[in-house]
Amino acid sequence: MKILTRHQEREKALQYLYALEIQDKITVGCSPQDIIYPETLFEAESSDNYHLEIVKGVCRELERLDQIISEKAINWRINRLAAVDKNILRIAIYEILFLDDIPKAVSINEAVELAKSYGSDKSYSFINGILGKVEI
């Protein structure tokens, strides 16, 4: 059994949130169980199901997270952001605001790394700029 690292847990959370987004099921109170055909996301084991904590937390706090993104992303409407970028921001802001045991710098660094892997060429600098404006 392969155990996921925290980075891999964040990747898995991003996959869940992206799936919810493209299936038009990301709403306040959404759940990983809302995804159609999620079995492809269960290839590795999690020791603490951190990815599910993130997904549930993002869904629970969706309105607040999106409001923060809208305020910090000057001249960008949230519905115009790429789904990957938007969900990377949601994950990082959720960690920054609600998970006291994770330093802000770690959340930002992880978000930048996710953006480099999954976003466009400019995603990581955009995400870094937005997250730098988020206050604890």
Protein backbone atom coordinates (compact mmCIF):
# COMPACT_ATOMS: atom_id res chain seq x y z
CA MET A 1 0.00 0.00 0.00
CA LYS A 2 1.34 3.40 -1.02
CA ILE A 3 0.87 6.12 1.59
CA LEU A 4 0.34 9.65 0.29
CA THR A 5 2.52 12.60 1.28
CA ARG A 6 0.85 15.89 2.22
CA HIS A 7 1.71 17.23 -1.24
CA GLN A 8 0.01 14.22 -2.82
CA GLU A 9 -2.96 14.74 -0.51
CA ARG A 10 -3.26 18.30 -1.83
CA GLU A 11 -3.03 17.00 -5.39
CA LYS A 12 -5.81 14.55 -4.66
CA ALA A 13 -7.94 17.31 -3.10
CA LEU A 14 -7.36 19.39 -6.23
CA GLN A 15 -8.51 16.46 -8.37
CA TYR A 16 -11.69 16.12 -6.32
CA LEU A 17 -12.44 19.84 -6.41
CA TYR A 18 -11.70 20.03 -10.12
CA ALA A 19 -14.04 17.09 -10.75
CA LEU A 20 -16.77 18.80 -8.73
CA GLU A 21 -16.15 22.02 -10.66
CA ILE A 22 -16.33 20.54 -14.14
CA GLN A 23 -19.39 18.48 -13.21
CA ASP A 24 -20.99 21.74 -12.01
CA LYS A 25 -21.43 20.29 -8.52
CA ILE A 26 -19.21 22.60 -6.49
CA THR A 27 -21.59 24.32 -4.12
CA VAL A 28 -21.70 25.17 -0.46
CA GLY A 29 -21.93 21.86 1.35
CA CYS A 30 -20.75 19.76 -1.58
CA SER A 31 -19.04 16.48 -0.84
CA PRO A 32 -16.51 14.14 -2.45
CA GLN A 33 -19.39 11.67 -2.83
CA ASP A 34 -21.08 14.11 -5.24
CA ILE A 35 -18.55 13.31 -7.97
CA ILE A 36 -19.69 11.07 -10.78
CA TYR A 37 -17.29 8.11 -11.19
CA PRO A 38 -14.77 9.02 -8.47
CA GLU A 39 -13.12 5.59 -8.39
CA THR A 40 -10.15 6.79 -10.47
CA LEU A 41 -9.20 9.01 -7.54
CA PHE A 42 -8.67 6.11 -5.16
CA GLU A 43 -5.40 4.67 -6.46
CA ALA A 44 -3.40 5.26 -3.26
CA GLU A 45 -4.14 5.09 0.43
CA SER A 46 -4.18 8.04 2.76
CA SER A 47 -2.99 7.76 6.31
CA ASP A 48 -5.21 10.55 7.59
CA ASN A 49 -7.57 11.41 4.71
CA TYR A 50 -6.24 14.96 4.66
CA HIS A 51 -7.51 15.36 1.09
CA LEU A 52 -11.06 14.74 2.30
CA GLU A 53 -10.63 17.26 5.11
CA ILE A 54 -9.59 19.83 2.51
CA VAL A 55 -12.44 19.04 0.11
CA LYS A 56 -15.08 19.10 2.86
CA GLY A 57 -13.61 22.31 4.31
CA VAL A 58 -13.49 24.05 0.94
CA CYS A 59 -17.08 23.03 0.24
CA ARG A 60 -18.20 24.19 3.68
CA GLU A 61 -16.43 27.57 3.36
CA LEU A 62 -16.91 28.01 -0.40
CA GLU A 63 -18.70 31.36 -0.26
CA ARG A 64 -16.10 32.90 2.04
CA LEU A 65 -13.18 31.51 0.02
CA ASP A 66 -14.63 32.76 -3.25
CA GLN A 67 -15.32 36.17 -1.71
CA ILE A 68 -11.66 36.44 -0.65
CA ILE A 69 -10.47 35.37 -4.09
CA SER A 70 -12.77 37.95 -5.70
CA GLU A 71 -11.46 40.70 -3.40
CA LYS A 72 -7.79 39.84 -3.93
CA ALA A 73 -7.92 39.07 -7.66
CA ILE A 74 -8.33 42.67 -8.76
CA ASN A 75 -9.83 42.99 -12.25
CA TRP A 76 -10.68 39.27 -12.34
CA ARG A 77 -14.15 37.86 -11.85
CA ILE A 78 -14.05 34.49 -10.13
CA ASN A 79 -16.11 32.82 -12.85
CA ARG A 80 -13.44 33.85 -15.37
CA LEU A 81 -10.59 32.13 -13.51
CA ALA A 82 -9.38 28.77 -14.76
CA ALA A 83 -10.95 25.95 -12.73
CA VAL A 84 -7.52 24.61 -11.73
CA ASP A 85 -6.27 28.00 -10.54
CA LYS A 86 -9.48 28.75 -8.67
CA ASN A 87 -9.35 25.45 -6.80
CA ILE A 88 -5.66 25.76 -5.98
CA LEU A 89 -6.49 29.15 -4.46
CA ARG A 90 -9.42 27.69 -2.55
CA ILE A 91 -7.23 24.95 -1.06
CA ALA A 92 -4.47 27.33 -0.01
CA ILE A 93 -6.79 29.97 1.43
CA TYR A 94 -8.70 27.28 3.33
CA GLU A 95 -5.43 26.07 4.85
CA ILE A 96 -4.30 29.61 5.68
CA LEU A 97 -7.55 30.60 7.37
CA PHE A 98 -8.71 27.39 9.00
CA LEU A 99 -5.75 25.09 9.63
CA ASP A 100 -3.57 26.65 12.31
CA ASP A 101 -0.98 23.87 12.25
CA ILE A 102 0.11 24.71 8.68
CA PRO A 103 2.27 27.82 8.25
CA LYS A 104 1.05 30.30 5.64
CA ALA A 105 4.36 30.00 3.78
CA VAL A 106 3.88 26.24 3.42
CA SER A 107 0.36 26.69 2.01
CA ILE A 108 1.60 29.29 -0.45
CA ASN A 109 4.57 27.18 -1.52
CA GLU A 110 2.37 24.11 -2.01
CA ALA A 111 -0.11 26.15 -4.06
CA VAL A 112 2.68 27.50 -6.26
CA GLU A 113 3.99 23.97 -6.82
CA LEU A 114 0.50 22.72 -7.72
CA ALA A 115 0.13 25.63 -10.14
CA LYS A 116 3.46 24.81 -11.78
CA SER A 117 2.31 21.21 -12.27
CA TYR A 118 -1.33 21.72 -13.20
CA GLY A 119 -1.83 25.34 -14.23
CA SER A 120 -0.76 27.42 -17.20
CA ASP A 121 2.68 28.99 -17.55
CA LYS A 122 1.56 32.10 -15.68
CA SER A 123 -0.62 30.43 -13.06
CA TYR A 124 2.02 30.10 -10.37
CA SER A 125 2.90 33.81 -10.32
CA PHE A 126 -0.79 34.80 -10.34
CA ILE A 127 -1.53 32.41 -7.45
CA ASN A 128 1.53 33.55 -5.51
CA GLY A 129 0.43 37.16 -5.88
CA ILE A 130 -3.12 36.50 -4.72
CA LEU A 131 -2.05 34.38 -1.74
CA GLY A 132 0.49 36.99 -0.67
CA LYS A 133 -2.44 39.36 -0.12
CA VAL A 134 -4.41 36.95 2.09
CA GLU A 135 -4.26 37.92 5.73
CA ILE A 136 -4.47 35.45 8.57
